[in-house]
Each structure stands twice: as structure tokens, then as C-alpha cells.
Protein backbone atom coordinates (compact mmCIF):
# COMPACT_ATOMS: atom_id res chain seq x y z
CA UNK A 1 29.07 -39.20 -50.22
CA UNK A 2 29.64 -35.49 -50.67
CA UNK A 3 33.32 -34.49 -50.47
CA UNK A 4 34.67 -30.96 -50.68
CA UNK A 5 38.37 -30.38 -51.48
CA UNK A 6 39.94 -27.13 -50.23
CA UNK A 7 43.33 -25.63 -49.46
CA UNK A 8 44.84 -26.70 -46.17
CA UNK A 9 44.92 -24.14 -43.33
CA UNK A 10 46.82 -23.88 -40.07
CA UNK A 11 43.56 -24.72 -38.30
CA UNK A 12 43.67 -28.19 -39.89
CA UNK A 13 46.81 -29.22 -38.02
CA UNK A 14 45.13 -31.42 -35.41
CA UNK A 15 43.05 -33.38 -37.93
CA UNK A 16 46.05 -33.77 -40.26
CA UNK A 17 48.16 -34.98 -37.34
CA UNK A 18 45.58 -37.63 -36.39
CA UNK A 19 45.31 -38.85 -40.00
CA UNK A 20 49.09 -39.01 -40.37
CA UNK A 21 49.26 -41.18 -37.26
CA UNK A 22 47.05 -43.75 -39.04
CA UNK A 23 49.91 -44.43 -41.45
CA UNK A 24 52.55 -44.53 -38.75
CA UNK A 25 53.79 -40.95 -38.93
CA UNK A 26 53.88 -40.00 -35.26
CA UNK A 27 54.78 -36.38 -34.74
CA UNK A 28 53.94 -33.76 -32.13
CA UNK A 29 51.04 -31.51 -33.09
CA UNK A 30 53.34 -28.51 -32.90
CA UNK A 31 55.55 -30.00 -35.62
CA UNK A 32 52.56 -30.70 -37.87
CA UNK A 33 51.48 -27.08 -37.44
CA UNK A 34 55.00 -25.84 -38.21
CA UNK A 35 55.10 -28.05 -41.33
CA UNK A 36 51.76 -26.70 -42.56
CA UNK A 37 52.99 -23.14 -42.03
CA UNK A 38 56.15 -23.94 -44.01
CA UNK A 39 54.19 -25.47 -46.88
CA UNK A 40 51.85 -22.48 -47.00
CA UNK A 41 54.80 -20.07 -46.92
CA UNK A 42 56.94 -21.78 -49.57
CA UNK A 43 56.48 -21.02 -53.24
CA UNK A 44 55.87 -24.14 -55.28
CA UNK A 45 54.33 -26.09 -52.39
CA UNK A 46 50.69 -26.65 -51.47
CA UNK A 47 48.39 -29.04 -49.65
CA UNK A 48 44.69 -29.77 -49.73
CA UNK A 49 42.19 -31.43 -47.43
CA UNK A 50 39.09 -33.49 -48.18
CA UNK A 51 36.11 -32.54 -46.05
CA UNK A 52 32.96 -34.58 -45.42
CA UNK A 53 30.24 -33.13 -43.18
CA UNK A 54 32.70 -30.56 -41.74
CA UNK A 55 35.24 -33.28 -40.87
CA UNK A 56 38.64 -33.63 -42.52
CA UNK A 57 38.81 -37.15 -43.91
CA UNK A 58 41.97 -36.89 -46.00
CA UNK A 59 44.84 -34.69 -47.10
CA UNK A 60 47.41 -34.45 -49.86
CA UNK A 61 50.62 -32.46 -50.20
CA UNK A 62 52.34 -31.46 -53.43
CA UNK A 63 55.52 -29.66 -54.42
CA UNK A 64 57.19 -28.43 -57.56
CA UNK A 65 60.39 -30.46 -57.87
CA UNK A 66 63.59 -29.27 -59.52
CA UNK A 67 66.44 -31.66 -60.22
CA UNK A 68 69.53 -31.31 -62.37
CA UNK A 69 68.98 -34.62 -64.16
CA UNK A 70 65.32 -34.29 -65.17
CA UNK A 71 62.71 -31.82 -66.33
CA UNK A 72 60.73 -30.10 -63.56
CA UNK A 73 57.77 -32.07 -62.24
CA UNK A 74 55.22 -32.04 -59.45
CA UNK A 75 55.51 -34.59 -56.68
CA UNK A 76 52.87 -35.77 -54.27
CA UNK A 77 54.54 -35.45 -50.88
CA UNK A 78 51.87 -37.20 -48.84
CA UNK A 79 48.39 -38.64 -49.29
CA UNK A 80 46.27 -40.00 -46.49
CA UNK A 81 42.58 -40.88 -46.38
CA UNK A 82 40.98 -41.80 -43.07
CA UNK A 83 40.81 -45.60 -42.90
CA UNK A 84 37.06 -45.39 -42.20
CA UNK A 85 36.49 -43.49 -45.46
CA UNK A 86 38.67 -45.39 -47.90
CA UNK A 87 37.03 -46.83 -51.00
CA UNK A 88 34.74 -43.83 -51.56
CA UNK A 89 36.79 -41.98 -54.18
CA UNK A 90 38.31 -39.47 -51.77
CA UNK A 91 41.90 -40.29 -52.68
CA UNK A 92 41.04 -39.99 -56.35
CA UNK A 93 39.51 -36.55 -55.78
CA UNK A 94 42.60 -35.41 -53.90
CA UNK A 95 44.86 -36.64 -56.71
CA UNK A 96 42.63 -34.89 -59.29
CA UNK A 97 43.05 -31.64 -57.35
CA UNK A 98 46.84 -32.04 -57.40
CA UNK A 99 46.81 -32.88 -61.11
CA UNK A 100 45.04 -29.58 -61.78
CA UNK A 101 47.44 -27.72 -59.47
CA UNK A 102 50.34 -29.26 -61.41
CA UNK A 103 48.93 -28.17 -64.76
CA UNK A 104 48.23 -24.69 -63.42
CA UNK A 105 51.88 -24.48 -62.31
CA UNK A 106 53.29 -25.57 -65.67
CA UNK A 107 54.19 -29.16 -64.81
CA UNK A 108 53.32 -31.92 -67.26
CA UNK A 109 54.46 -34.75 -64.99
CA UNK A 110 53.18 -35.81 -61.58
CA UNK A 111 55.19 -38.26 -59.50
CA UNK A 112 54.92 -39.86 -56.09
CA UNK A 113 56.83 -42.23 -53.88
CA UNK A 114 55.27 -44.97 -51.81
CA UNK A 115 56.62 -47.48 -49.35
CA UNK A 116 57.27 -50.85 -50.95
CA UNK A 117 55.13 -52.59 -48.32
CA UNK A 118 51.97 -50.59 -49.15
CA UNK A 119 50.66 -52.98 -51.81
CA UNK A 120 47.09 -51.65 -51.70
CA UNK A 121 48.41 -48.14 -52.31
CA UNK A 122 50.37 -49.40 -55.33
CA UNK A 123 47.19 -50.85 -56.84
CA UNK A 124 45.31 -47.61 -56.10
CA UNK A 125 47.92 -45.49 -57.89
CA UNK A 126 48.05 -47.85 -60.87
CA UNK A 127 44.24 -47.70 -61.08
CA UNK A 128 44.50 -43.90 -61.30
CA UNK A 129 46.91 -44.16 -64.23
CA UNK A 130 50.30 -43.88 -62.55
CA UNK A 131 53.04 -46.09 -64.00
CA UNK A 132 55.79 -47.54 -61.86
CA UNK A 133 59.13 -46.33 -63.21
CA UNK A 134 61.61 -47.61 -60.60
CA UNK A 135 62.16 -48.97 -57.11
CA UNK A 136 64.41 -47.22 -54.61
CA UNK A 137 65.90 -47.59 -51.20
CA UNK A 138 65.93 -44.60 -48.89
CA UNK A 139 68.94 -43.96 -46.68
CA UNK A 140 69.05 -41.55 -43.77
CA UNK A 141 71.53 -40.29 -41.21
CA UNK A 142 71.32 -37.84 -38.37
CA UNK A 143 73.52 -34.76 -38.84
């Protein structure tokens, strides 16, 4: 299976929106487009899509993260591969692209967060060489 990885564009919003829905992230198309524009317009952020036969079959987002308590690092902010295309190395290619982006931007560490219920994703990340360093709970409030 031939897969091409390229930078995300505003024209990818609809395909990205549909893929995000597969993992339960329901959002209006307009918001997905606005988010892509923000990523493209913000230094230290980027996103890439995986393309097979002119169809977007996956995407990944990454950002340079700064925190007081740790050295700067890159963080995967989202990774989705179309459920019909999983198991073909697409996720691995997307992660490889982000690893290179991280190196090119001076980061030696790449992190990600994943929902505790996504056991298959945990195995996938471990297979790629990620090491689990902690578990967290996420709290939210409307302001």
C-alpha cells in the first residue's frame, strides 16, 4: 500500500473532520477548519495527513510544548487512522514524520497522551518504542 505523508491544508478539513468522528470527536466542520487554520498559523505547531490514492486516510498533530517543570518537548496532539486502513503501517509513518519534525525543531523528546480505555492504541505506541511514564486524570470546567 503506497502512502504519502504531507503537511495538512485547510482543504483537508472535511476529511479530517470525518476521521475525527471515528474516534468520537464530534465537531462542526467549521470548527475543524478553524482549528486547522490556527495550527497552521501558530509557530511550533504542525499537522500532517496520510494520503492513499488521493484519499486522506489518517492525520497527526504535533506541538512544541513548554512547561516550567520540564525541558521542552514535542507532543503528539492527535493521531487518527481510518478504521478501514489500520494495520498497514500508516500510523507508524505518521509518527515517523512527527519524530523528524521534532528533531528538526530541536526537541529530543516526543510525548503523547491517550485515553486509558484505548488499549489497542497503548500496544501500538509501545510497539513503536514509546514508554509509559505515568497515568493521569483530566479535569475540565466551563468558564
